[in-house]
N, C-alpha and C. Protein backbone atom coordinates (compact mmCIF):
# COMPACT_ATOMS: atom_id res chain seq x y z
N MET A 1 0.83 -1.13 -0.05
CA MET A 1 0.02 0.04 0.00
C MET A 1 0.89 1.24 -0.01
N THR A 2 0.53 2.19 -0.82
CA THR A 2 1.36 3.45 -1.03
C THR A 2 0.78 4.45 -0.06
N ARG A 3 1.63 5.13 0.68
CA ARG A 3 1.19 6.06 1.64
C ARG A 3 1.54 7.50 1.07
N ILE A 4 0.53 8.36 0.99
CA ILE A 4 0.78 9.79 0.62
C ILE A 4 0.84 10.69 1.93
N THR A 5 1.79 11.50 1.95
CA THR A 5 1.81 12.39 3.13
C THR A 5 1.67 13.74 2.59
N MET A 6 1.05 14.61 3.43
CA MET A 6 0.83 16.02 3.09
C MET A 6 0.98 16.85 4.30
N PRO A 7 1.68 17.87 4.19
CA PRO A 7 1.86 18.86 5.34
C PRO A 7 0.48 19.25 5.82
N ARG A 8 0.45 19.52 7.17
CA ARG A 8 -0.86 19.88 7.74
C ARG A 8 -1.36 21.28 7.09
N ARG A 9 -0.47 22.18 6.91
CA ARG A 9 -0.70 23.46 6.30
C ARG A 9 -1.44 23.28 5.02
N ASN A 10 -1.01 22.46 4.16
CA ASN A 10 -1.63 22.16 2.93
C ASN A 10 -2.94 21.47 3.06
N LEU A 11 -2.96 20.54 3.99
CA LEU A 11 -4.27 19.90 4.24
C LEU A 11 -5.33 20.80 4.69
N LEU A 12 -5.02 21.76 5.59
CA LEU A 12 -5.98 22.69 6.07
C LEU A 12 -6.41 23.65 4.88
N ALA A 13 -5.45 24.10 4.09
CA ALA A 13 -5.79 25.02 2.98
C ALA A 13 -6.65 24.28 1.99
N THR A 14 -6.44 23.00 1.75
CA THR A 14 -7.23 22.20 0.85
C THR A 14 -8.70 22.14 1.43
N GLY A 15 -8.85 21.88 2.70
CA GLY A 15 -10.11 21.74 3.34
C GLY A 15 -10.88 23.10 3.25
N ALA A 16 -10.19 24.25 3.48
CA ALA A 16 -10.87 25.44 3.47
C ALA A 16 -11.32 25.84 2.01
N CYS A 17 -10.50 25.45 1.11
CA CYS A 17 -10.81 25.63 -0.37
C CYS A 17 -12.03 24.86 -0.83
N ALA A 18 -12.04 23.56 -0.27
CA ALA A 18 -13.26 22.67 -0.55
C ALA A 18 -14.52 23.15 0.02
N LEU A 19 -14.38 23.80 1.22
CA LEU A 19 -15.57 24.32 1.99
C LEU A 19 -16.15 25.59 1.27
N VAL A 20 -15.19 26.49 0.80
CA VAL A 20 -15.66 27.69 -0.02
C VAL A 20 -16.27 27.17 -1.35
N GLY A 21 -15.68 26.21 -2.00
CA GLY A 21 -16.28 25.79 -3.30
C GLY A 21 -17.62 25.16 -3.02
N ALA A 22 -17.80 24.35 -2.03
CA ALA A 22 -19.11 23.84 -1.75
C ALA A 22 -20.12 24.88 -1.39
N VAL A 23 -19.77 25.87 -0.77
CA VAL A 23 -20.76 26.89 -0.39
C VAL A 23 -21.20 27.77 -1.59
N THR A 24 -20.23 27.97 -2.52
CA THR A 24 -20.54 28.85 -3.68
C THR A 24 -20.93 28.22 -4.96
N LEU A 25 -21.09 26.90 -4.96
CA LEU A 25 -21.43 26.19 -6.22
C LEU A 25 -22.94 26.69 -6.53
N PRO A 26 -23.21 27.04 -7.76
CA PRO A 26 -24.51 27.52 -8.06
C PRO A 26 -25.62 26.53 -7.83
N GLY A 27 -25.33 25.30 -8.00
CA GLY A 27 -26.42 24.23 -7.86
C GLY A 27 -26.88 24.11 -6.52
N LEU A 28 -26.08 24.49 -5.49
CA LEU A 28 -26.40 24.33 -4.10
C LEU A 28 -27.11 25.53 -3.57
N ALA A 29 -27.11 26.70 -4.20
CA ALA A 29 -27.73 27.95 -3.61
C ALA A 29 -29.16 27.78 -3.89
N ARG A 30 -30.01 28.25 -2.90
CA ARG A 30 -31.43 28.27 -2.94
C ARG A 30 -31.88 29.58 -3.53
N ALA A 31 -32.79 29.63 -4.49
CA ALA A 31 -33.32 30.81 -5.04
C ALA A 31 -34.40 31.42 -4.14
N SER A 32 -34.56 32.71 -4.41
CA SER A 32 -35.56 33.41 -3.69
C SER A 32 -36.52 34.15 -4.62
N ALA A 33 -37.77 33.87 -4.47
CA ALA A 33 -38.83 34.53 -5.28
C ALA A 33 -39.23 35.88 -4.77
N SER A 34 -38.84 36.19 -3.64
CA SER A 34 -39.22 37.50 -3.11
C SER A 34 -38.04 38.44 -2.92
N GLY A 35 -36.80 38.08 -3.34
CA GLY A 35 -35.72 38.94 -3.31
C GLY A 35 -35.12 39.10 -1.90
N GLY A 36 -35.77 38.43 -0.91
CA GLY A 36 -35.39 38.48 0.45
C GLY A 36 -34.45 37.22 0.76
N PRO A 37 -34.57 36.76 2.07
CA PRO A 37 -33.69 35.61 2.43
C PRO A 37 -34.06 34.41 1.54
N ASP A 38 -33.15 33.53 1.33
CA ASP A 38 -33.43 32.34 0.57
C ASP A 38 -34.53 31.54 1.13
N LEU A 39 -35.40 31.04 0.22
CA LEU A 39 -36.48 30.27 0.73
C LEU A 39 -36.28 28.78 0.36
N THR A 40 -36.66 27.82 1.37
CA THR A 40 -36.63 26.46 0.94
C THR A 40 -37.89 26.10 0.17
N ASN A 41 -37.87 24.99 -0.48
CA ASN A 41 -39.08 24.56 -1.18
C ASN A 41 -40.36 24.46 -0.28
N GLU A 42 -40.09 24.02 0.90
CA GLU A 42 -41.29 23.96 1.91
C GLU A 42 -41.76 25.38 2.13
N GLU A 43 -40.84 26.31 2.36
CA GLU A 43 -41.29 27.70 2.56
C GLU A 43 -42.08 28.28 1.44
N ILE A 44 -41.59 27.94 0.25
CA ILE A 44 -42.29 28.35 -0.96
C ILE A 44 -43.71 27.80 -1.04
N ILE A 45 -43.76 26.54 -0.77
CA ILE A 45 -45.11 25.77 -0.64
C ILE A 45 -46.04 26.50 0.34
N ARG A 46 -45.49 26.74 1.51
CA ARG A 46 -46.40 27.37 2.52
C ARG A 46 -46.79 28.80 2.17
N LYS A 47 -46.00 29.48 1.45
CA LYS A 47 -46.38 30.82 0.97
C LYS A 47 -47.45 30.78 -0.07
N TRP A 48 -47.37 29.73 -0.93
CA TRP A 48 -48.40 29.58 -2.04
C TRP A 48 -49.72 29.29 -1.39
N TYR A 49 -49.93 28.41 -0.48
CA TYR A 49 -51.24 28.12 0.11
C TYR A 49 -51.66 29.30 1.00
N ALA A 50 -50.74 30.02 1.67
CA ALA A 50 -51.04 31.28 2.43
C ALA A 50 -51.63 32.29 1.49
N ALA A 51 -51.10 32.47 0.30
CA ALA A 51 -51.56 33.47 -0.60
C ALA A 51 -52.99 33.20 -1.00
N TRP A 52 -53.40 31.93 -1.10
CA TRP A 52 -54.80 31.62 -1.34
C TRP A 52 -55.66 32.04 -0.16
N GLU A 53 -55.22 31.79 0.99
CA GLU A 53 -56.01 32.07 2.23
C GLU A 53 -56.10 33.62 2.43
N LYS A 54 -55.14 34.32 2.06
CA LYS A 54 -55.10 35.77 2.30
C LYS A 54 -55.55 36.51 1.07
N LYS A 55 -55.94 35.85 -0.02
CA LYS A 55 -56.35 36.39 -1.31
C LYS A 55 -55.26 37.42 -1.76
N ASP A 56 -53.98 37.05 -1.74
CA ASP A 56 -52.84 37.77 -1.95
C ASP A 56 -52.39 37.58 -3.51
N LEU A 57 -52.97 38.38 -4.31
CA LEU A 57 -52.66 38.17 -5.76
C LEU A 57 -51.18 38.57 -6.05
N GLY A 58 -50.63 39.45 -5.30
CA GLY A 58 -49.17 39.79 -5.49
C GLY A 58 -48.36 38.57 -5.23
N THR A 59 -48.45 37.91 -4.24
CA THR A 59 -47.71 36.64 -3.97
C THR A 59 -48.07 35.60 -5.02
N PHE A 60 -49.29 35.40 -5.33
CA PHE A 60 -49.69 34.53 -6.39
C PHE A 60 -48.79 34.77 -7.60
N ASN A 61 -48.78 36.02 -8.11
CA ASN A 61 -48.09 36.38 -9.32
C ASN A 61 -46.62 36.18 -9.18
N MET A 62 -46.03 36.50 -8.01
CA MET A 62 -44.63 36.38 -7.67
C MET A 62 -44.13 34.91 -7.69
N LEU A 63 -44.97 34.02 -7.19
CA LEU A 63 -44.52 32.62 -6.99
C LEU A 63 -44.72 31.86 -8.18
N LEU A 64 -45.52 32.23 -9.21
CA LEU A 64 -45.66 31.39 -10.50
C LEU A 64 -44.72 31.86 -11.57
N ALA A 65 -43.99 31.01 -12.03
CA ALA A 65 -43.02 31.29 -13.06
C ALA A 65 -43.79 31.73 -14.36
N ASP A 66 -43.17 32.41 -15.28
CA ASP A 66 -43.77 32.89 -16.52
C ASP A 66 -44.30 31.73 -17.36
N ASN A 67 -43.50 30.57 -17.30
CA ASN A 67 -43.82 29.42 -18.14
C ASN A 67 -44.72 28.36 -17.30
N PHE A 68 -45.31 28.87 -16.17
CA PHE A 68 -46.09 28.00 -15.41
C PHE A 68 -47.25 27.31 -16.15
N THR A 69 -47.46 26.00 -15.73
CA THR A 69 -48.70 25.25 -16.28
C THR A 69 -49.38 24.56 -15.08
N PHE A 70 -50.66 24.35 -15.31
CA PHE A 70 -51.46 23.66 -14.36
C PHE A 70 -52.28 22.48 -15.09
N THR A 71 -52.32 21.38 -14.43
CA THR A 71 -53.01 20.21 -14.97
C THR A 71 -53.93 19.62 -13.93
N SER A 72 -55.18 19.22 -14.23
CA SER A 72 -55.97 18.57 -13.31
C SER A 72 -56.95 17.67 -14.16
N ALA A 73 -57.70 16.85 -13.37
CA ALA A 73 -58.60 15.92 -14.09
C ALA A 73 -59.85 16.63 -14.52
N ALA A 74 -60.01 17.97 -14.28
CA ALA A 74 -61.19 18.67 -14.67
C ALA A 74 -61.08 19.26 -16.05
N GLY A 75 -60.17 18.72 -16.82
CA GLY A 75 -59.96 19.18 -18.16
C GLY A 75 -58.81 20.16 -18.40
N ASP A 76 -58.20 20.49 -17.32
CA ASP A 76 -57.07 21.44 -17.43
C ASP A 76 -55.84 20.71 -17.77
N ASP A 77 -55.36 20.82 -19.05
CA ASP A 77 -54.18 20.19 -19.59
C ASP A 77 -53.11 21.22 -19.82
N HIS A 78 -52.22 21.30 -18.87
CA HIS A 78 -51.11 22.22 -18.96
C HIS A 78 -51.58 23.63 -19.32
N ILE A 79 -52.57 24.19 -18.62
CA ILE A 79 -53.04 25.50 -18.97
C ILE A 79 -51.93 26.50 -18.47
N SER A 80 -51.98 27.67 -19.01
CA SER A 80 -50.95 28.73 -18.81
C SER A 80 -51.28 29.45 -17.44
N LYS A 81 -50.37 30.28 -17.10
CA LYS A 81 -50.46 31.05 -15.88
C LYS A 81 -51.60 31.98 -16.03
N SER A 82 -51.93 32.63 -17.09
CA SER A 82 -52.97 33.55 -17.23
C SER A 82 -54.32 32.82 -17.28
N THR A 83 -54.44 31.66 -17.90
CA THR A 83 -55.60 30.85 -17.92
C THR A 83 -55.86 30.30 -16.52
N PHE A 84 -54.78 29.88 -15.87
CA PHE A 84 -55.03 29.40 -14.44
C PHE A 84 -55.58 30.52 -13.49
N LYS A 85 -55.12 31.67 -13.71
CA LYS A 85 -55.56 32.84 -12.96
C LYS A 85 -57.05 33.04 -13.24
N THR A 86 -57.42 33.14 -14.45
CA THR A 86 -58.85 33.30 -14.84
C THR A 86 -59.79 32.15 -14.47
N GLN A 87 -59.32 30.94 -14.76
CA GLN A 87 -60.26 29.73 -14.46
C GLN A 87 -60.16 29.31 -13.11
N CYS A 88 -59.11 29.49 -12.29
CA CYS A 88 -58.96 28.94 -11.07
C CYS A 88 -58.95 29.92 -9.92
N TRP A 89 -57.93 30.84 -9.94
CA TRP A 89 -57.80 31.88 -8.95
C TRP A 89 -59.13 32.77 -8.84
N ASP A 90 -59.44 33.31 -9.99
CA ASP A 90 -60.62 34.33 -9.99
C ASP A 90 -61.90 33.65 -9.67
N THR A 91 -62.12 32.36 -9.94
CA THR A 91 -63.36 31.70 -9.59
C THR A 91 -63.42 30.99 -8.24
N GLN A 92 -62.19 30.71 -7.68
CA GLN A 92 -62.16 29.89 -6.44
C GLN A 92 -61.68 30.60 -5.27
N VAL A 93 -60.85 31.68 -5.38
CA VAL A 93 -60.18 32.29 -4.22
C VAL A 93 -61.17 32.81 -3.12
N ASP A 94 -62.29 33.34 -3.58
CA ASP A 94 -63.29 33.86 -2.51
C ASP A 94 -64.02 32.75 -1.76
N PHE A 95 -63.83 31.51 -2.18
CA PHE A 95 -64.56 30.41 -1.63
C PHE A 95 -63.51 29.67 -0.58
N ILE A 96 -62.31 29.99 -0.66
CA ILE A 96 -61.36 29.37 0.23
C ILE A 96 -61.25 30.04 1.59
N GLY A 97 -61.46 29.18 2.65
CA GLY A 97 -61.28 29.67 3.98
C GLY A 97 -59.81 29.51 4.41
N HIS A 98 -59.50 28.17 4.60
CA HIS A 98 -58.11 27.95 4.90
C HIS A 98 -57.73 26.48 4.58
N PHE A 99 -56.44 26.32 4.59
CA PHE A 99 -55.84 24.94 4.30
C PHE A 99 -55.28 24.34 5.50
N ASP A 100 -55.51 23.06 5.64
CA ASP A 100 -54.67 22.26 6.59
C ASP A 100 -53.69 21.53 5.80
N LEU A 101 -52.42 21.94 5.83
CA LEU A 101 -51.39 21.23 5.05
C LEU A 101 -51.03 19.93 5.85
N GLU A 102 -51.51 18.85 5.40
CA GLU A 102 -51.43 17.59 6.19
C GLU A 102 -50.08 16.92 5.93
N ARG A 103 -49.55 17.15 4.74
CA ARG A 103 -48.30 16.47 4.38
C ARG A 103 -47.51 17.26 3.30
N ILE A 104 -46.39 17.64 3.54
CA ILE A 104 -45.44 18.18 2.47
C ILE A 104 -44.19 17.45 2.41
N THR A 105 -43.94 16.91 1.24
CA THR A 105 -42.78 16.10 0.94
C THR A 105 -42.06 16.82 -0.12
N THR A 106 -40.83 17.26 0.18
CA THR A 106 -40.06 18.11 -0.84
C THR A 106 -38.80 17.30 -1.35
N GLY A 107 -38.47 17.59 -2.63
CA GLY A 107 -37.27 17.16 -3.20
C GLY A 107 -36.52 18.32 -3.67
N ALA A 108 -35.45 18.13 -4.44
CA ALA A 108 -34.50 19.21 -4.92
C ALA A 108 -35.38 20.28 -5.77
N GLY A 109 -36.28 19.75 -6.59
CA GLY A 109 -37.01 20.58 -7.47
C GLY A 109 -38.48 20.35 -7.51
N ASP A 110 -38.96 19.70 -6.50
CA ASP A 110 -40.42 19.36 -6.61
C ASP A 110 -40.94 19.06 -5.20
N ALA A 111 -42.25 18.86 -5.13
CA ALA A 111 -42.94 18.59 -3.86
C ALA A 111 -44.20 17.94 -4.08
N PHE A 112 -44.61 17.15 -3.15
CA PHE A 112 -45.99 16.64 -3.03
C PHE A 112 -46.66 17.26 -1.78
N VAL A 113 -47.88 17.75 -2.05
CA VAL A 113 -48.60 18.28 -0.86
C VAL A 113 -49.96 17.61 -0.79
N LYS A 114 -50.36 17.22 0.38
CA LYS A 114 -51.66 16.74 0.68
C LYS A 114 -52.32 17.63 1.64
N TYR A 115 -53.52 18.13 1.19
CA TYR A 115 -54.04 19.15 2.06
C TYR A 115 -55.58 18.87 2.25
N LEU A 116 -56.16 19.49 3.32
CA LEU A 116 -57.59 19.58 3.53
C LEU A 116 -57.91 21.10 3.42
N CYS A 117 -58.74 21.37 2.52
CA CYS A 117 -59.16 22.77 2.21
C CYS A 117 -60.57 22.93 2.89
N HIS A 118 -60.75 24.03 3.63
CA HIS A 118 -61.93 24.34 4.26
C HIS A 118 -62.53 25.57 3.42
N THR A 119 -63.83 25.44 2.92
CA THR A 119 -64.33 26.54 2.32
C THR A 119 -65.17 27.44 3.07
N LYS A 120 -65.41 28.66 2.69
CA LYS A 120 -66.14 29.49 3.49
C LYS A 120 -67.63 29.15 3.70
N ASN A 121 -68.13 28.19 2.89
CA ASN A 121 -69.53 27.70 3.12
C ASN A 121 -69.58 26.46 3.96
N GLY A 122 -68.44 26.24 4.81
CA GLY A 122 -68.52 25.09 5.74
C GLY A 122 -68.30 23.71 5.11
N LYS A 123 -67.90 23.69 3.85
CA LYS A 123 -67.56 22.40 3.17
C LYS A 123 -66.10 22.24 3.37
N SER A 124 -65.58 21.07 2.95
CA SER A 124 -64.14 20.84 2.85
C SER A 124 -63.86 19.74 1.83
N PHE A 125 -62.69 19.76 1.27
CA PHE A 125 -62.20 18.75 0.31
C PHE A 125 -60.73 18.52 0.55
N ARG A 126 -60.34 17.37 0.14
CA ARG A 126 -58.88 16.98 0.20
C ARG A 126 -58.31 16.74 -1.17
N ASN A 127 -57.20 17.30 -1.39
CA ASN A 127 -56.48 17.05 -2.71
C ASN A 127 -55.01 16.77 -2.43
N VAL A 128 -54.39 16.24 -3.51
CA VAL A 128 -52.96 16.04 -3.44
C VAL A 128 -52.37 16.76 -4.68
N GLU A 129 -51.34 17.54 -4.54
CA GLU A 129 -50.79 18.20 -5.65
C GLU A 129 -49.32 17.94 -5.72
N TYR A 130 -48.88 17.84 -7.07
CA TYR A 130 -47.47 17.56 -7.24
C TYR A 130 -46.96 18.93 -7.87
N LEU A 131 -45.98 19.59 -7.44
CA LEU A 131 -45.47 20.87 -7.71
C LEU A 131 -44.02 20.81 -8.08
N ARG A 132 -43.72 21.38 -9.29
CA ARG A 132 -42.36 21.48 -9.70
C ARG A 132 -41.89 22.92 -9.48
N ILE A 133 -40.70 23.09 -8.88
CA ILE A 133 -40.10 24.26 -8.39
C ILE A 133 -38.76 24.56 -8.91
N LYS A 134 -38.59 25.71 -9.49
CA LYS A 134 -37.25 26.14 -10.01
C LYS A 134 -37.07 27.57 -9.74
N ASN A 135 -35.84 27.91 -9.22
CA ASN A 135 -35.41 29.30 -8.94
C ASN A 135 -36.49 30.00 -8.11
N GLY A 136 -36.91 29.38 -7.11
CA GLY A 136 -37.94 29.92 -6.16
C GLY A 136 -39.43 30.21 -6.71
N GLN A 137 -39.64 29.57 -7.82
CA GLN A 137 -41.04 29.77 -8.38
C GLN A 137 -41.57 28.46 -8.72
N LEU A 138 -42.91 28.40 -8.76
CA LEU A 138 -43.62 27.20 -9.19
C LEU A 138 -43.66 27.16 -10.78
N GLU A 139 -43.08 26.06 -11.23
CA GLU A 139 -43.19 25.89 -12.75
C GLU A 139 -44.42 25.18 -13.14
N SER A 140 -44.87 24.25 -12.34
CA SER A 140 -46.12 23.53 -12.67
C SER A 140 -46.82 22.97 -11.40
N ILE A 141 -48.09 22.71 -11.52
CA ILE A 141 -48.89 22.05 -10.50
C ILE A 141 -49.69 20.99 -11.16
N GLU A 142 -49.74 19.84 -10.70
CA GLU A 142 -50.71 18.80 -11.09
C GLU A 142 -51.54 18.41 -9.94
N CYS A 143 -52.81 18.66 -10.04
CA CYS A 143 -53.78 18.53 -8.98
C CYS A 143 -54.59 17.15 -9.13
N TYR A 144 -54.58 16.40 -8.16
CA TYR A 144 -55.22 15.13 -8.04
C TYR A 144 -56.40 15.31 -6.95
N PHE A 145 -57.60 15.31 -7.39
CA PHE A 145 -58.76 15.54 -6.52
C PHE A 145 -59.05 14.39 -5.57
N GLY A 146 -59.69 14.87 -4.48
CA GLY A 146 -60.02 13.91 -3.50
C GLY A 146 -61.47 13.33 -3.88
N ALA A 147 -62.28 13.27 -2.79
CA ALA A 147 -63.63 12.55 -2.96
C ALA A 147 -64.47 13.09 -4.06
N GLN A 148 -65.25 12.29 -4.70
CA GLN A 148 -66.09 12.80 -5.83
C GLN A 148 -67.10 13.78 -5.38
N SER A 149 -67.50 13.75 -4.07
CA SER A 149 -68.58 14.61 -3.57
C SER A 149 -68.08 16.04 -3.70
N SER A 150 -66.75 16.33 -3.70
CA SER A 150 -66.31 17.65 -3.78
C SER A 150 -65.59 17.94 -5.25
N PHE A 151 -65.80 17.10 -6.11
CA PHE A 151 -65.12 17.29 -7.45
C PHE A 151 -65.94 18.16 -8.29
N PRO A 152 -65.31 19.09 -9.19
CA PRO A 152 -64.00 19.45 -8.87
C PRO A 152 -63.79 20.66 -7.95
N SER A 153 -64.97 21.28 -7.62
CA SER A 153 -64.85 22.48 -6.68
C SER A 153 -66.18 22.86 -6.13
N ALA A 154 -66.14 23.62 -5.08
CA ALA A 154 -67.36 24.08 -4.43
C ALA A 154 -68.14 24.97 -5.33
N VAL A 155 -67.43 25.89 -6.12
CA VAL A 155 -68.13 26.79 -6.98
C VAL A 155 -68.73 26.13 -8.16
N SER A 156 -68.00 25.11 -8.80
CA SER A 156 -68.60 24.45 -10.06
C SER A 156 -69.84 23.61 -9.78
N THR A 157 -70.09 23.32 -8.53
CA THR A 157 -71.33 22.55 -8.30
C THR A 157 -72.42 23.44 -7.75
N GLY A 158 -72.19 24.88 -7.82
CA GLY A 158 -73.25 25.70 -7.46
C GLY A 158 -73.34 25.98 -5.88
N GLN A 159 -72.41 25.50 -5.12
CA GLN A 159 -72.38 25.69 -3.71
C GLN A 159 -71.79 26.97 -3.27
N LYS A 160 -72.24 27.67 -2.38
CA LYS A 160 -71.78 28.91 -1.91
C LYS A 160 -71.74 28.94 -0.41
């Protein structure tokens, strides 16, 4: 077995350089959609659902990437950000009371969220959504609806 020796000074310098390199690699930095402190994917997810609860259109627009798409079983097949705003936000936001985020599982560029949504009319529904996240913004959401009794939404069945 060959033994390689290195002076401690060189070893410490190599370790410090490796640490600086690891911290500054572009792939390891977290992006921020708000220009403030870096947000984790879970924080982005929580801001997204809070925007619905607060009826915060500014956060809604900030968190959705320009190339955002939304897909669901209700006939939404990769609809654009503007269509999503018109067909989903504008028609649903006033019916949303609050979300119980039951499960958030995040990866490097995506997340699964299971939630129970409580509407202002006393009803509730549970969905699972798959979200892709890049540079601090949502690139896409795929919505998987819960029970048929609440499909696809409180407003589309005439409930208020």
